[in-house]
Amino acid sequence: MFLDSLIGLLGGIDLDLLCQETPAEIIEDVYAKGKRFRTAAQGFALGSGNSIPDYVPVDGYMAMIEGAKRIRSEEAEHGFASSLLSSADGHIEG
């Protein structure tokens, strides 16, 4: 489809995850979703809505950042294209 090359994804991380799960669970969830989203669109901006409310635990927010850093680190180590090939097949499921 024509628009596939023009669409980027924004967000994808639920505030409930940041508030209710352990840092380890958040890192794994962000890593898995981020890898999947990066394969599905031309661009991806990780986030949790348009802001991070003050009730979000700092540990939850920092775990989200760590998950993103893990993706970037892997891409730097293995190359972006290689990282995408080893990821999910690009389909986003609810």
PDB file of N, CA and C in Angstrom:
ATOM      1  N   MET A   1       0.841  -1.174   0.000  1.00  0.00           N
ATOM      2  CA  MET A   1       0.000   0.000   0.000  1.00  0.00           C
ATOM      3  C   MET A   1       0.889   1.240   0.000  1.00  0.00           C
ATOM      4  N   PHE A   2       0.458   2.261  -0.682  1.00  0.00           N
ATOM      5  CA  PHE A   2       1.216   3.499  -0.838  1.00  0.00           C
ATOM      6  C   PHE A   2       1.574   4.165   0.480  1.00  0.00           C
ATOM      7  N   LEU A   3       0.657   4.263   1.405  1.00  0.00           N
ATOM      8  CA  LEU A   3       0.898   4.987   2.650  1.00  0.00           C
ATOM      9  C   LEU A   3       1.812   4.257   3.627  1.00  0.00           C
ATOM     10  N   ASP A   4       2.050   2.976   3.411  1.00  0.00           N
ATOM     11  CA  ASP A   4       2.917   2.219   4.319  1.00  0.00           C
ATOM     12  C   ASP A   4       4.266   2.885   4.523  1.00  0.00           C
ATOM     13  N   SER A   5       4.803   3.483   3.485  1.00  0.00           N
ATOM     14  CA  SER A   5       6.119   4.090   3.596  1.00  0.00           C
ATOM     15  C   SER A   5       6.079   5.482   4.229  1.00  0.00           C
ATOM     16  N   LEU A   6       4.892   5.995   4.510  1.00  0.00           N
ATOM     17  CA  LEU A   6       4.759   7.341   5.052  1.00  0.00           C
ATOM     18  C   LEU A   6       4.260   7.374   6.492  1.00  0.00           C
ATOM     19  N   ILE A   7       3.913   6.241   7.038  1.00  0.00           N
ATOM     20  CA  ILE A   7       3.282   6.203   8.354  1.00  0.00           C
ATOM     21  C   ILE A   7       4.293   5.856   9.436  1.00  0.00           C
ATOM     22  N   GLY A   8       4.240   6.598  10.514  1.00  0.00           N
ATOM     23  CA  GLY A   8       5.044   6.313  11.694  1.00  0.00           C
ATOM     24  C   GLY A   8       4.107   6.028  12.862  1.00  0.00           C
ATOM     25  N   LEU A   9       4.591   5.340  13.849  1.00  0.00           N
ATOM     26  CA  LEU A   9       3.797   5.023  15.035  1.00  0.00           C
ATOM     27  C   LEU A   9       4.290   5.855  16.215  1.00  0.00           C
ATOM     28  N   LEU A  10       3.360   6.297  17.036  1.00  0.00           N
ATOM     29  CA  LEU A  10       3.679   7.085  18.221  1.00  0.00           C
ATOM     30  C   LEU A  10       3.029   6.443  19.434  1.00  0.00           C
ATOM     31  N   GLY A  11       3.740   6.386  20.531  1.00  0.00           N
ATOM     32  CA  GLY A  11       3.163   5.892  21.786  1.00  0.00           C
ATOM     33  C   GLY A  11       3.343   4.404  21.949  1.00  0.00           C
ATOM     34  N   GLY A  12       2.252   3.747  22.333  1.00  0.00           N
ATOM     35  CA  GLY A  12       2.253   2.302  22.453  1.00  0.00           C
ATOM     36  C   GLY A  12       2.451   1.747  23.854  1.00  0.00           C
ATOM     37  N   ILE A  13       2.830   2.592  24.812  1.00  0.00           N
ATOM     38  CA  ILE A  13       3.078   2.107  26.162  1.00  0.00           C
ATOM     39  C   ILE A  13       1.981   2.627  27.090  1.00  0.00           C
ATOM     40  N   ASP A  14       1.236   1.720  27.676  1.00  0.00           N
ATOM     41  CA  ASP A  14       0.091   2.058  28.527  1.00  0.00           C
ATOM     42  C   ASP A  14       0.552   2.591  29.884  1.00  0.00           C
ATOM     43  N   LEU A  15      -0.089   3.659  30.337  1.00  0.00           N
ATOM     44  CA  LEU A  15       0.239   4.204  31.657  1.00  0.00           C
ATOM     45  C   LEU A  15       0.017   3.193  32.765  1.00  0.00           C
ATOM     46  N   ASP A  16      -0.992   2.337  32.628  1.00  0.00           N
ATOM     47  CA  ASP A  16      -1.232   1.310  33.652  1.00  0.00           C
ATOM     48  C   ASP A  16      -0.020   0.405  33.823  1.00  0.00           C
ATOM     49  N   LEU A  17       0.623   0.087  32.719  1.00  0.00           N
ATOM     50  CA  LEU A  17       1.841  -0.734  32.784  1.00  0.00           C
ATOM     51  C   LEU A  17       2.893  -0.026  33.634  1.00  0.00           C
ATOM     52  N   LEU A  18       3.112   1.248  33.375  1.00  0.00           N
ATOM     53  CA  LEU A  18       4.130   2.007  34.102  1.00  0.00           C
ATOM     54  C   LEU A  18       3.809   2.148  35.581  1.00  0.00           C
ATOM     55  N   CYS A  19       2.534   2.153  35.900  1.00  0.00           N
ATOM     56  CA  CYS A  19       2.106   2.354  37.295  1.00  0.00           C
ATOM     57  C   CYS A  19       2.004   1.061  38.094  1.00  0.00           C
ATOM     58  N   GLN A  20       1.722  -0.055  37.435  1.00  0.00           N
ATOM     59  CA  GLN A  20       1.355  -1.253  38.182  1.00  0.00           C
ATOM     60  C   GLN A  20       2.333  -2.415  38.093  1.00  0.00           C
ATOM     61  N   GLU A  21       3.233  -2.389  37.113  1.00  0.00           N
ATOM     62  CA  GLU A  21       4.125  -3.533  36.939  1.00  0.00           C
ATOM     63  C   GLU A  21       5.503  -3.243  37.529  1.00  0.00           C
ATOM     64  N   THR A  22       6.271  -4.289  37.693  1.00  0.00           N
ATOM     65  CA  THR A  22       7.636  -4.130  38.204  1.00  0.00           C
ATOM     66  C   THR A  22       8.525  -3.559  37.100  1.00  0.00           C
ATOM     67  N   PRO A  23       9.634  -2.927  37.478  1.00  0.00           N
ATOM     68  CA  PRO A  23      10.549  -2.432  36.448  1.00  0.00           C
ATOM     69  C   PRO A  23      10.988  -3.519  35.459  1.00  0.00           C
ATOM     70  N   ALA A  24      11.262  -4.711  35.935  1.00  0.00           N
ATOM     71  CA  ALA A  24      11.678  -5.798  35.035  1.00  0.00           C
ATOM     72  C   ALA A  24      10.583  -6.131  34.028  1.00  0.00           C
ATOM     73  N   GLU A  25       9.338  -6.172  34.470  1.00  0.00           N
ATOM     74  CA  GLU A  25       8.222  -6.463  33.562  1.00  0.00           C
ATOM     75  C   GLU A  25       8.031  -5.333  32.558  1.00  0.00           C
ATOM     76  N   ILE A  26       8.202  -4.101  32.995  1.00  0.00           N
ATOM     77  CA  ILE A  26       8.067  -2.954  32.101  1.00  0.00           C
ATOM     78  C   ILE A  26       9.147  -2.989  31.026  1.00  0.00           C
ATOM     79  N   ILE A  27      10.381  -3.234  31.429  1.00  0.00           N
ATOM     80  CA  ILE A  27      11.484  -3.300  30.469  1.00  0.00           C
ATOM     81  C   ILE A  27      11.199  -4.349  29.405  1.00  0.00           C
ATOM     82  N   GLU A  28      10.772  -5.534  29.810  1.00  0.00           N
ATOM     83  CA  GLU A  28      10.493  -6.610  28.855  1.00  0.00           C
ATOM     84  C   GLU A  28       9.343  -6.252  27.924  1.00  0.00           C
ATOM     85  N   ASP A  29       8.280  -5.646  28.472  1.00  0.00           N
ATOM     86  CA  ASP A  29       7.121  -5.269  27.663  1.00  0.00           C
ATOM     87  C   ASP A  29       7.499  -4.189  26.652  1.00  0.00           C
ATOM     88  N   VAL A  30       8.208  -3.164  27.123  1.00  0.00           N
ATOM     89  CA  VAL A  30       8.635  -2.081  26.233  1.00  0.00           C
ATOM     90  C   VAL A  30       9.565  -2.622  25.152  1.00  0.00           C
ATOM     91  N   TYR A  31      10.473  -3.477  25.519  1.00  0.00           N
ATOM     92  CA  TYR A  31      11.399  -4.075  24.553  1.00  0.00           C
ATOM     93  C   TYR A  31      10.625  -4.855  23.478  1.00  0.00           C
ATOM     94  N   ALA A  32       9.727  -5.714  23.902  1.00  0.00           N
ATOM     95  CA  ALA A  32       8.967  -6.535  22.955  1.00  0.00           C
ATOM     96  C   ALA A  32       8.100  -5.671  22.032  1.00  0.00           C
ATOM     97  N   LYS A  33       7.374  -4.723  22.617  1.00  0.00           N
ATOM     98  CA  LYS A  33       6.516  -3.862  21.792  1.00  0.00           C
ATOM     99  C   LYS A  33       7.352  -2.970  20.886  1.00  0.00           C
ATOM    100  N   GLY A  34       8.411  -2.390  21.429  1.00  0.00           N
ATOM    101  CA  GLY A  34       9.251  -1.509  20.631  1.00  0.00           C
ATOM    102  C   GLY A  34       9.850  -2.215  19.432  1.00  0.00           C
ATOM    103  N   LYS A  35      10.341  -3.425  19.616  1.00  0.00           N
ATOM    104  CA  LYS A  35      10.888  -4.202  18.504  1.00  0.00           C
ATOM    105  C   LYS A  35       9.809  -4.463  17.447  1.00  0.00           C
ATOM    106  N   ARG A  36       8.630  -4.826  17.911  1.00  0.00           N
ATOM    107  CA  ARG A  36       7.529  -5.117  16.985  1.00  0.00           C
ATOM    108  C   ARG A  36       7.102  -3.859  16.237  1.00  0.00           C
ATOM    109  N   PHE A  37       6.968  -2.740  16.950  1.00  0.00           N
ATOM    110  CA  PHE A  37       6.536  -1.496  16.323  1.00  0.00           C
ATOM    111  C   PHE A  37       7.574  -0.984  15.326  1.00  0.00           C
ATOM    112  N   ARG A  38       8.864  -1.135  15.644  1.00  0.00           N
ATOM    113  CA  ARG A  38       9.930  -0.651  14.747  1.00  0.00           C
ATOM    114  C   ARG A  38       9.909  -1.404  13.423  1.00  0.00           C
ATOM    115  N   THR A  39       9.454  -2.634  13.422  1.00  0.00           N
ATOM    116  CA  THR A  39       9.388  -3.388  12.170  1.00  0.00           C
ATOM    117  C   THR A  39       8.137  -3.068  11.376  1.00  0.00           C
ATOM    118  N   ALA A  40       7.125  -2.496  12.024  1.00  0.00           N
ATOM    119  CA  ALA A  40       5.829  -2.293  11.384  1.00  0.00           C
ATOM    120  C   ALA A  40       5.684  -0.934  10.703  1.00  0.00           C
ATOM    121  N   ALA A  41       6.564   0.008  10.987  1.00  0.00           N
ATOM    122  CA  ALA A  41       6.386   1.351  10.441  1.00  0.00           C
ATOM    123  C   ALA A  41       7.731   1.955  10.061  1.00  0.00           C
ATOM    124  N   GLN A  42       7.676   2.986   9.254  1.00  0.00           N
ATOM    125  CA  GLN A  42       8.885   3.692   8.855  1.00  0.00           C
ATOM    126  C   GLN A  42       9.528   4.414  10.031  1.00  0.00           C
ATOM    127  N   GLY A  43       8.726   4.828  10.978  1.00  0.00           N
ATOM    128  CA  GLY A  43       9.247   5.524  12.143  1.00  0.00           C
ATOM    129  C   GLY A  43       8.478   5.115  13.380  1.00  0.00           C
ATOM    130  N   PHE A  44       9.121   5.216  14.514  1.00  0.00           N
ATOM    131  CA  PHE A  44       8.465   4.861  15.767  1.00  0.00           C
ATOM    132  C   PHE A  44       8.986   5.754  16.872  1.00  0.00           C
ATOM    133  N   ALA A  45       8.067   6.398  17.587  1.00  0.00           N
ATOM    134  CA  ALA A  45       8.416   7.220  18.738  1.00  0.00           C
ATOM    135  C   ALA A  45       7.785   6.576  19.970  1.00  0.00           C
ATOM    136  N   LEU A  46       8.606   6.001  20.810  1.00  0.00           N
ATOM    137  CA  LEU A  46       8.132   5.343  22.017  1.00  0.00           C
ATOM    138  C   LEU A  46       7.561   6.381  22.973  1.00  0.00           C
ATOM    139  N   GLY A  47       6.467   6.065  23.601  1.00  0.00           N
ATOM    140  CA  GLY A  47       5.890   6.988  24.566  1.00  0.00           C
ATOM    141  C   GLY A  47       4.656   6.416  25.215  1.00  0.00           C
ATOM    142  N   SER A  48       4.130   7.194  26.125  1.00  0.00           N
ATOM    143  CA  SER A  48       2.925   6.806  26.844  1.00  0.00           C
ATOM    144  C   SER A  48       1.956   7.979  26.850  1.00  0.00           C
ATOM    145  N   GLY A  49       1.380   8.246  25.713  1.00  0.00           N
ATOM    146  CA  GLY A  49       0.468   9.368  25.598  1.00  0.00           C
ATOM    147  C   GLY A  49       1.219  10.670  25.362  1.00  0.00           C
ATOM    148  N   ASN A  50       0.537  11.766  25.637  1.00  0.00           N
ATOM    149  CA  ASN A  50       1.156  13.061  25.367  1.00  0.00           C
ATOM    150  C   ASN A  50       1.921  13.626  26.558  1.00  0.00           C
ATOM    151  N   SER A  51       1.872  12.923  27.694  1.00  0.00           N
ATOM    152  CA  SER A  51       2.628  13.368  28.870  1.00  0.00           C
ATOM    153  C   SER A  51       2.762  12.204  29.844  1.00  0.00           C
ATOM    154  N   ILE A  52       3.651  12.377  30.791  1.00  0.00           N
ATOM    155  CA  ILE A  52       3.783  11.400  31.871  1.00  0.00           C
ATOM    156  C   ILE A  52       3.266  12.104  33.130  1.00  0.00           C
ATOM    157  N   PRO A  53       2.087  11.698  33.604  1.00  0.00           N
ATOM    158  CA  PRO A  53       1.509  12.352  34.783  1.00  0.00           C
ATOM    159  C   PRO A  53       2.375  12.158  36.033  1.00  0.00           C
ATOM    160  N   ASP A  54       2.195  13.027  36.998  1.00  0.00           N
ATOM    161  CA  ASP A  54       3.021  12.975  38.206  1.00  0.00           C
ATOM    162  C   ASP A  54       2.766  11.754  39.075  1.00  0.00           C
ATOM    163  N   TYR A  55       1.678  11.036  38.818  1.00  0.00           N
ATOM    164  CA  TYR A  55       1.410   9.832  39.618  1.00  0.00           C
ATOM    165  C   TYR A  55       2.140   8.592  39.105  1.00  0.00           C
ATOM    166  N   VAL A  56       2.799   8.696  37.955  1.00  0.00           N
ATOM    167  CA  VAL A  56       3.572   7.568  37.432  1.00  0.00           C
ATOM    168  C   VAL A  56       4.841   7.435  38.272  1.00  0.00           C
ATOM    169  N   PRO A  57       5.084   6.260  38.828  1.00  0.00           N
ATOM    170  CA  PRO A  57       6.310   6.072  39.620  1.00  0.00           C
ATOM    171  C   PRO A  57       7.563   6.311  38.776  1.00  0.00           C
ATOM    172  N   VAL A  58       8.536   6.958  39.366  1.00  0.00           N
ATOM    173  CA  VAL A  58       9.793   7.225  38.662  1.00  0.00           C
ATOM    174  C   VAL A  58      10.412   5.923  38.178  1.00  0.00           C
ATOM    175  N   ASP A  59      10.349   4.872  38.996  1.00  0.00           N
ATOM    176  CA  ASP A  59      10.910   3.574  38.589  1.00  0.00           C
ATOM    177  C   ASP A  59      10.228   3.034  37.335  1.00  0.00           C
ATOM    178  N   GLY A  60       8.910   3.243  37.218  1.00  0.00           N
ATOM    179  CA  GLY A  60       8.181   2.786  36.036  1.00  0.00           C
ATOM    180  C   GLY A  60       8.602   3.549  34.796  1.00  0.00           C
ATOM    181  N   TYR A  61       8.732   4.857  34.936  1.00  0.00           N
ATOM    182  CA  TYR A  61       9.171   5.682  33.818  1.00  0.00           C
ATOM    183  C   TYR A  61      10.593   5.310  33.392  1.00  0.00           C
ATOM    184  N   MET A  62      11.477   5.168  34.361  1.00  0.00           N
ATOM    185  CA  MET A  62      12.864   4.836  34.048  1.00  0.00           C
ATOM    186  C   MET A  62      12.981   3.447  33.409  1.00  0.00           C
ATOM    187  N   ALA A  63      12.095   2.523  33.804  1.00  0.00           N
ATOM    188  CA  ALA A  63      12.092   1.192  33.190  1.00  0.00           C
ATOM    189  C   ALA A  63      11.689   1.286  31.720  1.00  0.00           C
ATOM    190  N   MET A  64      10.744   2.185  31.398  1.00  0.00           N
ATOM    191  CA  MET A  64      10.357   2.390  30.004  1.00  0.00           C
ATOM    192  C   MET A  64      11.561   2.889  29.210  1.00  0.00           C
ATOM    193  N   ILE A  65      12.300   3.813  29.774  1.00  0.00           N
ATOM    194  CA  ILE A  65      13.493   4.333  29.112  1.00  0.00           C
ATOM    195  C   ILE A  65      14.533   3.217  28.929  1.00  0.00           C
ATOM    196  N   GLU A  66      14.703   2.381  29.942  1.00  0.00           N
ATOM    197  CA  GLU A  66      15.666   1.260  29.845  1.00  0.00           C
ATOM    198  C   GLU A  66      15.283   0.292  28.734  1.00  0.00           C
ATOM    199  N   GLY A  67      13.980   0.034  28.585  1.00  0.00           N
ATOM    200  CA  GLY A  67      13.534  -0.840  27.493  1.00  0.00           C
ATOM    201  C   GLY A  67      13.897  -0.260  26.134  1.00  0.00           C
ATOM    202  N   ALA A  68      13.728   1.052  25.983  1.00  0.00           N
ATOM    203  CA  ALA A  68      14.089   1.720  24.731  1.00  0.00           C
ATOM    204  C   ALA A  68      15.592   1.683  24.520  1.00  0.00           C
ATOM    205  N   LYS A  69      16.361   1.902  25.582  1.00  0.00           N
ATOM    206  CA  LYS A  69      17.823   1.849  25.471  1.00  0.00           C
ATOM    207  C   LYS A  69      18.286   0.461  25.050  1.00  0.00           C
ATOM    208  N   ARG A  70      17.599  -0.552  25.522  1.00  0.00           N
ATOM    209  CA  ARG A  70      17.956  -1.931  25.159  1.00  0.00           C
ATOM    210  C   ARG A  70      17.796  -2.150  23.653  1.00  0.00           C
ATOM    211  N   ILE A  71      16.724  -1.604  23.087  1.00  0.00           N
ATOM    212  CA  ILE A  71      16.507  -1.720  21.641  1.00  0.00           C
ATOM    213  C   ILE A  71      17.628  -0.995  20.896  1.00  0.00           C
ATOM    214  N   ARG A  72      17.897   0.238  21.307  1.00  0.00           N
ATOM    215  CA  ARG A  72      18.948   1.035  20.652  1.00  0.00           C
ATOM    216  C   ARG A  72      20.313   0.365  20.759  1.00  0.00           C
ATOM    217  N   SER A  73      20.604  -0.168  21.920  1.00  0.00           N
ATOM    218  CA  SER A  73      21.890  -0.832  22.130  1.00  0.00           C
ATOM    219  C   SER A  73      22.029  -2.032  21.203  1.00  0.00           C
ATOM    220  N   GLU A  74      20.969  -2.815  21.093  1.00  0.00           N
ATOM    221  CA  GLU A  74      20.992  -3.982  20.213  1.00  0.00           C
ATOM    222  C   GLU A  74      21.170  -3.560  18.761  1.00  0.00           C
ATOM    223  N   GLU A  75      20.483  -2.489  18.377  1.00  0.00           N
ATOM    224  CA  GLU A  75      20.609  -2.004  17.003  1.00  0.00           C
ATOM    225  C   GLU A  75      22.024  -1.501  16.730  1.00  0.00           C
ATOM    226  N   ALA A  76      22.616  -0.827  17.697  1.00  0.00           N
ATOM    227  CA  ALA A  76      23.981  -0.323  17.523  1.00  0.00           C
ATOM    228  C   ALA A  76      24.973  -1.469  17.422  1.00  0.00           C
ATOM    229  N   GLU A  77      24.750  -2.506  18.214  1.00  0.00           N
ATOM    230  CA  GLU A  77      25.660  -3.642  18.242  1.00  0.00           C
ATOM    231  C   GLU A  77      25.550  -4.504  16.991  1.00  0.00           C
ATOM    232  N   HIS A  78      24.324  -4.729  16.544  1.00  0.00           N
ATOM    233  CA  HIS A  78      24.095  -5.660  15.441  1.00  0.00           C
ATOM    234  C   HIS A  78      23.684  -4.976  14.146  1.00  0.00           C
ATOM    235  N   GLY A  79      23.487  -3.689  14.186  1.00  0.00           N
ATOM    236  CA  GLY A  79      23.015  -2.962  13.006  1.00  0.00           C
ATOM    237  C   GLY A  79      21.509  -2.930  12.981  1.00  0.00           C
ATOM    238  N   PHE A  80      20.967  -1.824  12.573  1.00  0.00           N
ATOM    239  CA  PHE A  80      19.520  -1.632  12.568  1.00  0.00           C
ATOM    240  C   PHE A  80      18.809  -2.666  11.717  1.00  0.00           C
ATOM    241  N   ALA A  81      19.281  -2.898  10.499  1.00  0.00           N
ATOM    242  CA  ALA A  81      18.619  -3.853   9.606  1.00  0.00           C
ATOM    243  C   ALA A  81      18.628  -5.259  10.179  1.00  0.00           C
ATOM    244  N   SER A  82      19.741  -5.665  10.757  1.00  0.00           N
ATOM    245  CA  SER A  82      19.841  -6.987  11.361  1.00  0.00           C
ATOM    246  C   SER A  82      18.868  -7.120  12.522  1.00  0.00           C
ATOM    247  N   SER A  83      18.736  -6.050  13.292  1.00  0.00           N
ATOM    248  CA  SER A  83      17.819  -6.052  14.425  1.00  0.00           C
ATOM    249  C   SER A  83      16.381  -6.237  13.957  1.00  0.00           C
ATOM    250  N   LEU A  84      16.038  -5.577  12.852  1.00  0.00           N
ATOM    251  CA  LEU A  84      14.680  -5.697  12.336  1.00  0.00           C
ATOM    252  C   LEU A  84      14.408  -7.099  11.812  1.00  0.00           C
ATOM    253  N   LEU A  85      15.385  -7.688  11.166  1.00  0.00           N
ATOM    254  CA  LEU A  85      15.183  -9.029  10.620  1.00  0.00           C
ATOM    255  C   LEU A  85      14.978 -10.066  11.714  1.00  0.00           C
ATOM    256  N   SER A  86      15.572  -9.857  12.873  1.00  0.00           N
ATOM    257  CA  SER A  86      15.431 -10.829  13.948  1.00  0.00           C
ATOM    258  C   SER A  86      14.203 -10.552  14.810  1.00  0.00           C
ATOM    259  N   SER A  87      13.466  -9.494  14.503  1.00  0.00           N
ATOM    260  CA  SER A  87      12.293  -9.110  15.277  1.00  0.00           C
ATOM    261  C   SER A  87      11.059  -9.859  14.808  1.00  0.00           C
ATOM    262  N   ALA A  88       9.937  -9.434  15.351  1.00  0.00           N
ATOM    263  CA  ALA A  88       8.652  -9.982  14.952  1.00  0.00           C
ATOM    264  C   ALA A  88       8.440  -9.705  13.459  1.00  0.00           C
ATOM    265  N   ASP A  89       7.441 -10.334  12.879  1.00  0.00           N
ATOM    266  CA  ASP A  89       7.237 -10.215  11.446  1.00  0.00           C
ATOM    267  C   ASP A  89       6.576  -8.906  11.017  1.00  0.00           C
ATOM    268  N   GLY A  90       6.409  -7.955  11.926  1.00  0.00           N
ATOM    269  CA  GLY A  90       5.893  -6.650  11.559  1.00  0.00           C
ATOM    270  C   GLY A  90       4.405  -6.487  11.757  1.00  0.00           C
ATOM    271  N   HIS A  91       3.718  -7.521  12.153  1.00  0.00           N
ATOM    272  CA  HIS A  91       2.289  -7.405  12.380  1.00  0.00           C
ATOM    273  C   HIS A  91       2.027  -6.952  13.809  1.00  0.00           C
ATOM    274  N   ILE A  92       1.157  -5.972  13.913  1.00  0.00           N
ATOM    275  CA  ILE A  92       0.797  -5.468  15.240  1.00  0.00           C
ATOM    276  C   ILE A  92      -0.528  -6.094  15.637  1.00  0.00           C
ATOM    277  N   GLU A  93      -0.520  -6.726  16.766  1.00  0.00           N
ATOM    278  CA  GLU A  93      -1.732  -7.346  17.278  1.00  0.00           C
ATOM    279  C   GLU A  93      -2.120  -6.666  18.568  1.00  0.00           C
ATOM    280  N   GLY A  94      -3.431  -6.554  18.797  1.00  0.00           N
ATOM    281  CA  GLY A  94      -3.946  -5.885  19.989  1.00  0.00           C
ATOM    282  C   GLY A  94      -3.543  -6.531  21.195  1.00  0.00           C
TER     283      GLY A  94
END
